[in-house]
Amino acid sequence: MKSPKPDDERMSDPIDMKTRTRAFALRVITLVGALPSSRVGRVLGDQLLRSGTSVGANYREAARARSDAEFVSKLGQAQQELEEAIYFMELLAESQVVKPARLSPLMAEAEELMAILVTMSRNAKKRSSAPR
């Protein structure tokens, strides 16, 4: 039996997810660039910039995984970074640094990406534990 490739059944639509995670990162970059230069804006913005741009990087590492275990691990890292980005966006909204309405579309995309990553991870775990 051949070993899995990045574009096999582990990846629902790798091109779409690469595009979506990159677009998410670009939207985060734009948001952070528009934040006020106050201390709060800089600190929260720096944290959001790091976590929001790491989602796509970790997803791409998952796409290159050599095993289902490595794939699941890298997806887990992408989920952690996404959860962190969501947290910092919540702080920006709740502290009134950014109007919640401005963050709403980006938060919705983050939640959708999280649901996709969780599903991909669960499916890979099921496959790797299935009898062969």
Protein backbone atom coordinates (compact mmCIF):
# COMPACT_ATOMS: atom_id res chain seq x y z
CA MET A 1 0.00 0.00 0.00
CA LYS A 2 1.40 3.37 -0.98
CA SER A 3 1.91 6.09 1.62
CA PRO A 4 -0.54 9.01 1.61
CA LYS A 5 0.22 12.07 -0.48
CA PRO A 6 -0.70 15.65 0.47
CA ASP A 7 -3.48 15.72 -2.13
CA ASP A 8 -5.07 12.41 -1.13
CA GLU A 9 -8.15 11.76 0.98
CA ARG A 10 -6.62 13.45 4.05
CA MET A 11 -7.15 16.83 2.45
CA SER A 12 -10.73 17.77 1.63
CA ASP A 13 -9.70 20.49 -0.82
CA PRO A 14 -6.09 21.52 -0.21
CA ILE A 15 -6.07 24.35 -2.73
CA ASP A 16 -9.18 25.93 -1.23
CA MET A 17 -7.78 25.71 2.30
CA LYS A 18 -4.42 27.10 1.22
CA THR A 19 -6.24 29.99 -0.41
CA ARG A 20 -8.57 30.53 2.53
CA THR A 21 -5.85 30.45 5.18
CA ARG A 22 -3.70 32.84 3.14
CA ALA A 23 -6.68 35.16 2.63
CA PHE A 24 -7.37 34.98 6.37
CA ALA A 25 -3.76 35.97 7.09
CA LEU A 26 -3.96 38.87 4.65
CA ARG A 27 -7.16 40.10 6.29
CA VAL A 28 -5.47 39.90 9.69
CA ILE A 29 -2.50 41.87 8.32
CA THR A 30 -4.86 44.56 7.02
CA LEU A 31 -6.72 44.72 10.34
CA VAL A 32 -3.53 44.96 12.39
CA GLY A 33 -2.19 47.65 10.09
CA ALA A 34 -5.28 49.75 10.81
CA LEU A 35 -5.12 49.39 14.60
CA PRO A 36 -4.39 52.46 16.70
CA SER A 37 -0.77 52.92 17.69
CA SER A 38 -1.68 52.89 21.38
CA ARG A 39 0.08 50.41 23.63
CA VAL A 40 -3.02 48.19 23.72
CA GLY A 41 -3.37 48.33 19.94
CA ARG A 42 0.29 47.42 19.44
CA VAL A 43 0.36 44.57 21.96
CA LEU A 44 -2.92 42.96 20.88
CA GLY A 45 -2.09 43.62 17.24
CA ASP A 46 1.30 41.94 17.51
CA GLN A 47 -0.25 38.88 19.13
CA LEU A 48 -3.04 38.72 16.53
CA LEU A 49 -0.53 39.16 13.71
CA ARG A 50 1.59 36.25 14.93
CA SER A 51 -1.27 33.84 15.52
CA GLY A 52 -3.40 34.86 12.54
CA THR A 53 -0.57 34.42 10.05
CA SER A 54 0.58 31.14 11.61
CA VAL A 55 -2.66 29.33 10.78
CA GLY A 56 -1.82 29.05 7.08
CA ALA A 57 1.81 28.18 7.73
CA ASN A 58 0.79 25.29 9.97
CA TYR A 59 -1.85 24.16 7.49
CA ARG A 60 0.78 24.05 4.75
CA GLU A 61 3.04 22.01 7.01
CA ALA A 62 0.14 19.60 7.52
CA ALA A 63 -0.26 19.32 3.75
CA ARG A 64 3.34 18.08 3.61
CA ALA A 65 2.96 15.62 6.49
CA ARG A 66 4.57 12.22 6.03
CA SER A 67 2.01 10.37 8.14
CA ASP A 68 -1.51 10.73 9.49
CA ALA A 69 -0.06 11.30 12.97
CA GLU A 70 2.09 14.17 11.73
CA PHE A 71 -0.88 15.52 9.74
CA VAL A 72 -3.10 15.53 12.84
CA SER A 73 -0.35 17.15 14.90
CA LYS A 74 0.16 20.00 12.42
CA LEU A 75 -3.58 20.53 12.10
CA GLY A 76 -3.68 20.72 15.90
CA GLN A 77 -1.08 23.48 15.80
CA ALA A 78 -3.13 25.36 13.20
CA GLN A 79 -6.19 25.02 15.45
CA GLN A 80 -4.24 26.37 18.43
CA GLU A 81 -3.08 29.40 16.46
CA LEU A 82 -6.59 30.00 15.16
CA GLU A 83 -8.03 29.79 18.68
CA GLU A 84 -5.43 32.31 19.82
CA ALA A 85 -6.30 34.65 16.94
CA ILE A 86 -9.98 34.41 17.87
CA TYR A 87 -9.11 35.26 21.47
CA PHE A 88 -7.19 38.39 20.47
CA MET A 89 -9.98 39.50 18.15
CA GLU A 90 -12.43 39.07 21.03
CA LEU A 91 -10.20 41.23 23.21
CA LEU A 92 -9.99 43.90 20.52
CA ALA A 93 -13.78 43.98 20.23
CA GLU A 94 -14.58 43.79 23.94
CA SER A 95 -12.05 46.50 24.79
CA GLN A 96 -13.60 48.71 22.08
CA VAL A 97 -10.27 49.07 20.27
CA VAL A 98 -12.12 47.82 17.16
CA LYS A 99 -15.86 47.96 16.60
CA PRO A 100 -17.29 44.43 16.91
CA ALA A 101 -19.12 44.87 13.61
CA ARG A 102 -15.78 45.36 11.84
CA LEU A 103 -14.45 42.11 13.29
CA SER A 104 -17.61 40.08 12.66
CA PRO A 105 -16.77 38.85 9.13
CA LEU A 106 -13.21 37.92 10.12
CA MET A 107 -14.45 36.13 13.24
CA ALA A 108 -16.99 34.21 11.13
CA GLU A 109 -14.21 33.09 8.76
CA ALA A 110 -12.08 32.04 11.74
CA GLU A 111 -14.95 29.92 13.08
CA GLU A 112 -15.48 28.31 9.67
CA LEU A 113 -11.79 27.55 9.31
CA MET A 114 -11.79 26.03 12.80
CA ALA A 115 -14.73 23.77 11.93
CA ILE A 116 -12.97 22.59 8.77
CA LEU A 117 -9.67 21.92 10.58
CA VAL A 118 -11.43 20.01 13.37
CA THR A 119 -13.31 17.88 10.83
CA MET A 120 -10.14 17.15 8.88
CA SER A 121 -8.36 16.15 12.07
CA ARG A 122 -11.20 13.89 13.23
CA ASN A 123 -11.39 12.20 9.84
CA ALA A 124 -7.65 11.55 9.79
CA LYS A 125 -7.78 10.13 13.32
CA LYS A 126 -10.64 7.81 12.33
CA ARG A 127 -8.75 6.61 9.25
CA SER A 128 -5.56 5.97 11.14
CA SER A 129 -7.36 3.96 13.82
CA ALA A 130 -9.50 1.97 11.37
CA PRO A 131 -8.55 -1.68 10.90
CA ARG A 132 -6.67 -2.30 7.68
